[in-house]
Amino acid sequence: YYDIISMSYLFLSCTEENHTKNSLTSVRVDQNKTEQAREGLFRNASALIQQFKHGQNVYTRYQQGTNAKELDGKVSLLGFTAAYTDMQSQFDGLGKR
């Protein structure tokens, strides 16, 4: 699951598992360069978000729990651009109330 905290921060999380404390999360969109961040918090994620908008799939790897078991994931990006655009519109509308 992907939570976009703001337009420049991206937090990758899985609601069923916990990241191992201070571990690296790896993300790759299609055949692009693999990006890494601590515990799934990608600062300055604008380039990564652009890849999400134009990509087909995102591949993830992170360590789970106290045993540091590595988990791999693959998520389709189908519909990401529409959902992101809708989120931006809602976010922009918050200041107009």
Protein backbone atom coordinates (compact mmCIF):
# COMPACT_ATOMS: atom_id res chain seq x y z
CA TYR A 1 0.00 0.00 0.00
CA TYR A 2 1.22 3.47 -0.80
CA ASP A 3 0.43 6.59 1.19
CA ILE A 4 1.39 9.90 -0.28
CA ILE A 5 1.96 12.20 2.66
CA SER A 6 2.45 15.29 0.52
CA MET A 7 3.39 15.98 -3.05
CA SER A 8 7.07 15.39 -2.26
CA TYR A 9 6.93 12.55 0.31
CA LEU A 10 5.91 8.98 -0.36
CA PHE A 11 5.39 6.43 2.40
CA LEU A 12 5.27 2.79 1.35
CA SER A 13 3.59 0.58 3.87
CA CYS A 14 1.88 -2.76 4.15
CA THR A 15 -0.93 -2.87 6.67
CA GLU A 16 -0.43 -6.55 7.44
CA GLU A 17 3.30 -6.53 8.18
CA ASN A 18 5.67 -4.25 10.05
CA HIS A 19 8.95 -3.08 8.59
CA THR A 20 12.00 -4.06 10.62
CA LYS A 21 13.12 -0.98 12.53
CA ASN A 22 15.61 1.15 10.59
CA SER A 23 15.64 -1.29 7.64
CA LEU A 24 15.83 -0.38 3.98
CA THR A 25 12.83 -0.55 1.66
CA SER A 26 13.63 -0.99 -2.03
CA VAL A 27 11.32 0.14 -4.83
CA ARG A 28 11.63 -0.23 -8.59
CA VAL A 29 9.11 0.84 -11.21
CA ASP A 30 9.28 -1.40 -14.30
CA GLN A 31 12.91 -1.36 -15.50
CA ASN A 32 13.86 1.93 -13.81
CA LYS A 33 16.59 2.34 -11.20
CA THR A 34 15.93 0.81 -7.78
CA GLU A 35 15.39 3.43 -5.07
CA GLN A 36 15.90 2.78 -1.34
CA ALA A 37 14.76 4.50 1.84
CA ARG A 38 14.64 3.71 5.56
CA GLU A 39 11.40 2.05 6.71
CA GLY A 40 9.55 3.03 3.53
CA LEU A 41 9.73 6.83 3.84
CA PHE A 42 10.92 8.28 0.54
CA ARG A 43 11.73 11.96 0.86
CA ASN A 44 11.91 14.01 -2.35
CA ALA A 45 9.79 11.39 -4.09
CA SER A 46 8.70 13.57 -7.02
CA ALA A 47 10.70 11.54 -9.55
CA LEU A 48 9.38 8.27 -8.11
CA ILE A 49 5.79 9.54 -8.27
CA GLN A 50 6.34 10.46 -11.94
CA GLN A 51 7.54 6.90 -12.56
CA PHE A 52 4.38 5.61 -10.85
CA LYS A 53 2.27 7.75 -13.19
CA HIS A 54 3.90 6.32 -16.32
CA GLY A 55 4.72 2.81 -15.13
CA GLN A 56 3.00 -0.53 -15.31
CA ASN A 57 4.18 -2.21 -12.07
CA VAL A 58 6.07 -1.36 -8.91
CA TYR A 59 8.30 -3.95 -7.28
CA THR A 60 9.10 -3.72 -3.57
CA ARG A 61 11.41 -5.45 -1.12
CA TYR A 62 11.55 -4.87 2.60
CA GLN A 63 12.36 -6.63 5.85
CA GLN A 64 9.51 -7.74 8.09
CA GLY A 65 9.40 -7.93 11.85
CA THR A 66 12.03 -8.94 14.36
CA ASN A 67 13.31 -11.88 12.30
CA ALA A 68 14.13 -9.48 9.41
CA LYS A 69 12.57 -11.79 6.82
CA GLU A 70 12.80 -10.22 3.35
CA LEU A 71 9.50 -9.87 1.52
CA ASP A 72 9.09 -9.07 -2.16
CA GLY A 73 5.99 -7.55 -3.70
CA LYS A 74 4.61 -6.52 -7.05
CA VAL A 75 1.72 -4.08 -7.45
CA SER A 76 0.02 -2.92 -10.63
CA LEU A 77 0.03 0.83 -11.21
CA LEU A 78 -3.17 0.65 -13.25
CA GLY A 79 -5.33 3.57 -12.11
CA PHE A 80 -2.56 5.31 -10.15
CA THR A 81 -2.57 8.47 -12.27
CA ALA A 82 -6.34 8.96 -11.96
CA ALA A 83 -6.25 8.36 -8.20
CA TYR A 84 -3.27 10.68 -7.76
CA THR A 85 -4.92 13.43 -9.82
CA ASP A 86 -8.10 13.09 -7.74
CA MET A 87 -6.07 13.26 -4.53
CA GLN A 88 -4.31 16.41 -5.75
CA SER A 89 -7.67 18.05 -6.55
CA GLN A 90 -9.00 17.21 -3.10
CA PHE A 91 -5.82 18.44 -1.44
CA ASP A 92 -5.93 21.71 -3.41
CA GLY A 93 -9.57 22.18 -2.41
CA LEU A 94 -8.79 21.98 1.32
CA GLY A 95 -7.41 25.52 1.38
CA LYS A 96 -10.49 26.96 -0.33
CA ARG A 97 -12.94 26.17 2.45
